[in-house]
Amino acid sequence: MSIKASDEELREVYNHIPSSYDRANRYISFNQDIKWRADLVKTILNYCKKT
């Protein structure tokens, strides 16, 4: 027996993942992920300025 989901059903399921992931990441890292992301952006911008 196979179960087939429509494109819309799959889209609906996968649209909820990013917000759940971000919330879990923020909780697990004690909000340090915010600083990590900012540091990554600064590092990338510094690298771009050097080239």
N, C-alpha and C. Protein backbone atom coordinates (compact mmCIF):
# COMPACT_ATOMS: atom_id res chain seq x y z
N MET A 1 0.85 -1.18 0.00
CA MET A 1 0.00 0.00 0.00
C MET A 1 0.89 1.24 0.00
N SER A 2 0.64 2.13 -0.89
CA SER A 2 1.44 3.35 -0.94
C SER A 2 0.55 4.56 -0.66
N ILE A 3 1.15 5.52 0.00
CA ILE A 3 0.44 6.75 0.33
C ILE A 3 1.07 7.88 -0.47
N LYS A 4 0.25 8.64 -1.15
CA LYS A 4 0.76 9.75 -1.95
C LYS A 4 0.22 11.06 -1.40
N ALA A 5 1.11 12.01 -1.25
CA ALA A 5 0.70 13.33 -0.77
C ALA A 5 0.73 14.30 -1.94
N SER A 6 -0.17 15.23 -1.93
CA SER A 6 -0.19 16.23 -2.99
C SER A 6 0.94 17.23 -2.77
N ASP A 7 1.27 17.95 -3.82
CA ASP A 7 2.31 18.98 -3.71
C ASP A 7 1.97 19.99 -2.63
N GLU A 8 0.72 20.35 -2.54
CA GLU A 8 0.28 21.35 -1.55
C GLU A 8 0.46 20.82 -0.13
N GLU A 9 0.14 19.56 0.08
CA GLU A 9 0.31 18.96 1.41
C GLU A 9 1.78 18.93 1.82
N LEU A 10 2.64 18.56 0.89
CA LEU A 10 4.08 18.54 1.17
C LEU A 10 4.61 19.94 1.44
N ARG A 11 4.16 20.89 0.66
CA ARG A 11 4.58 22.28 0.85
C ARG A 11 4.19 22.77 2.24
N GLU A 12 2.98 22.43 2.66
CA GLU A 12 2.49 22.85 3.97
C GLU A 12 3.34 22.25 5.09
N VAL A 13 3.69 20.98 4.96
CA VAL A 13 4.51 20.33 5.98
C VAL A 13 5.89 20.98 6.05
N TYR A 14 6.53 21.16 4.91
CA TYR A 14 7.89 21.68 4.89
C TYR A 14 7.97 23.18 5.17
N ASN A 15 6.89 23.91 5.03
CA ASN A 15 6.90 25.34 5.36
C ASN A 15 7.01 25.59 6.85
N HIS A 16 6.65 24.61 7.67
CA HIS A 16 6.70 24.78 9.12
C HIS A 16 8.07 24.44 9.71
N ILE A 17 8.92 23.77 8.96
CA ILE A 17 10.21 23.33 9.50
C ILE A 17 11.13 24.49 9.87
N PRO A 18 11.34 25.51 9.03
CA PRO A 18 12.29 26.56 9.40
C PRO A 18 11.98 27.26 10.72
N SER A 19 10.74 27.60 10.96
CA SER A 19 10.41 28.30 12.21
C SER A 19 10.62 27.39 13.41
N SER A 20 10.27 26.12 13.28
CA SER A 20 10.49 25.18 14.38
C SER A 20 11.98 24.98 14.64
N TYR A 21 12.74 24.87 13.56
CA TYR A 21 14.19 24.67 13.68
C TYR A 21 14.83 25.88 14.36
N ASP A 22 14.48 27.08 13.92
CA ASP A 22 15.06 28.29 14.51
C ASP A 22 14.71 28.40 15.99
N ARG A 23 13.48 28.09 16.33
CA ARG A 23 13.05 28.15 17.73
C ARG A 23 13.83 27.14 18.57
N ALA A 24 13.98 25.93 18.08
CA ALA A 24 14.72 24.90 18.81
C ALA A 24 16.19 25.27 18.93
N ASN A 25 16.76 25.79 17.85
CA ASN A 25 18.17 26.19 17.86
C ASN A 25 18.40 27.30 18.88
N ARG A 26 17.51 28.25 18.92
CA ARG A 26 17.63 29.36 19.87
C ARG A 26 17.55 28.85 21.31
N TYR A 27 16.65 27.92 21.55
CA TYR A 27 16.47 27.36 22.89
C TYR A 27 17.69 26.53 23.31
N ILE A 28 18.15 25.66 22.42
CA ILE A 28 19.27 24.76 22.72
C ILE A 28 20.57 25.53 22.92
N SER A 29 20.77 26.60 22.16
CA SER A 29 22.02 27.36 22.24
C SER A 29 21.95 28.51 23.24
N PHE A 30 20.86 28.60 23.99
CA PHE A 30 20.67 29.69 24.96
C PHE A 30 20.81 31.06 24.28
N ASN A 31 20.22 31.20 23.12
CA ASN A 31 20.20 32.43 22.31
C ASN A 31 21.57 32.82 21.75
N GLN A 32 22.56 31.96 21.86
CA GLN A 32 23.87 32.29 21.31
C GLN A 32 23.89 32.24 19.79
N ASP A 33 22.92 31.57 19.19
CA ASP A 33 22.88 31.47 17.73
C ASP A 33 22.76 32.84 17.08
N ILE A 34 22.15 33.79 17.79
CA ILE A 34 22.02 35.15 17.25
C ILE A 34 23.41 35.76 17.07
N LYS A 35 24.25 35.63 18.09
CA LYS A 35 25.62 36.16 18.02
C LYS A 35 26.42 35.40 16.96
N TRP A 36 26.26 34.07 16.90
CA TRP A 36 26.99 33.28 15.92
C TRP A 36 26.67 33.73 14.50
N ARG A 37 25.41 34.01 14.24
CA ARG A 37 25.02 34.46 12.89
C ARG A 37 25.61 35.84 12.59
N ALA A 38 25.57 36.73 13.58
CA ALA A 38 26.13 38.07 13.39
C ALA A 38 27.64 37.98 13.15
N ASP A 39 28.32 37.13 13.91
CA ASP A 39 29.76 36.95 13.74
C ASP A 39 30.08 36.39 12.35
N LEU A 40 29.26 35.48 11.87
CA LEU A 40 29.48 34.92 10.54
C LEU A 40 29.35 36.01 9.47
N VAL A 41 28.34 36.85 9.59
CA VAL A 41 28.15 37.94 8.63
C VAL A 41 29.35 38.88 8.66
N LYS A 42 29.82 39.23 9.86
CA LYS A 42 30.99 40.11 9.98
C LYS A 42 32.22 39.48 9.33
N THR A 43 32.42 38.19 9.55
CA THR A 43 33.56 37.48 8.97
C THR A 43 33.49 37.50 7.45
N ILE A 44 32.32 37.24 6.91
CA ILE A 44 32.15 37.24 5.45
C ILE A 44 32.40 38.63 4.89
N LEU A 45 31.86 39.67 5.54
CA LEU A 45 32.06 41.03 5.05
C LEU A 45 33.52 41.44 5.13
N ASN A 46 34.22 41.05 6.20
CA ASN A 46 35.64 41.35 6.31
C ASN A 46 36.43 40.66 5.21
N TYR A 47 36.08 39.44 4.90
CA TYR A 47 36.74 38.70 3.83
C TYR A 47 36.50 39.40 2.49
N CYS A 48 35.28 39.85 2.26
CA CYS A 48 34.95 40.52 0.99
C CYS A 48 35.70 41.84 0.86
N LYS A 49 35.92 42.54 1.95
CA LYS A 49 36.65 43.81 1.90
C LYS A 49 38.11 43.60 1.52
N LYS A 50 38.67 42.43 1.87
CA LYS A 50 40.08 42.15 1.60
C LYS A 50 40.33 41.75 0.16
N THR A 51 39.30 41.31 -0.54
CA THR A 51 39.51 40.84 -1.92
C THR A 51 39.31 41.95 -2.91
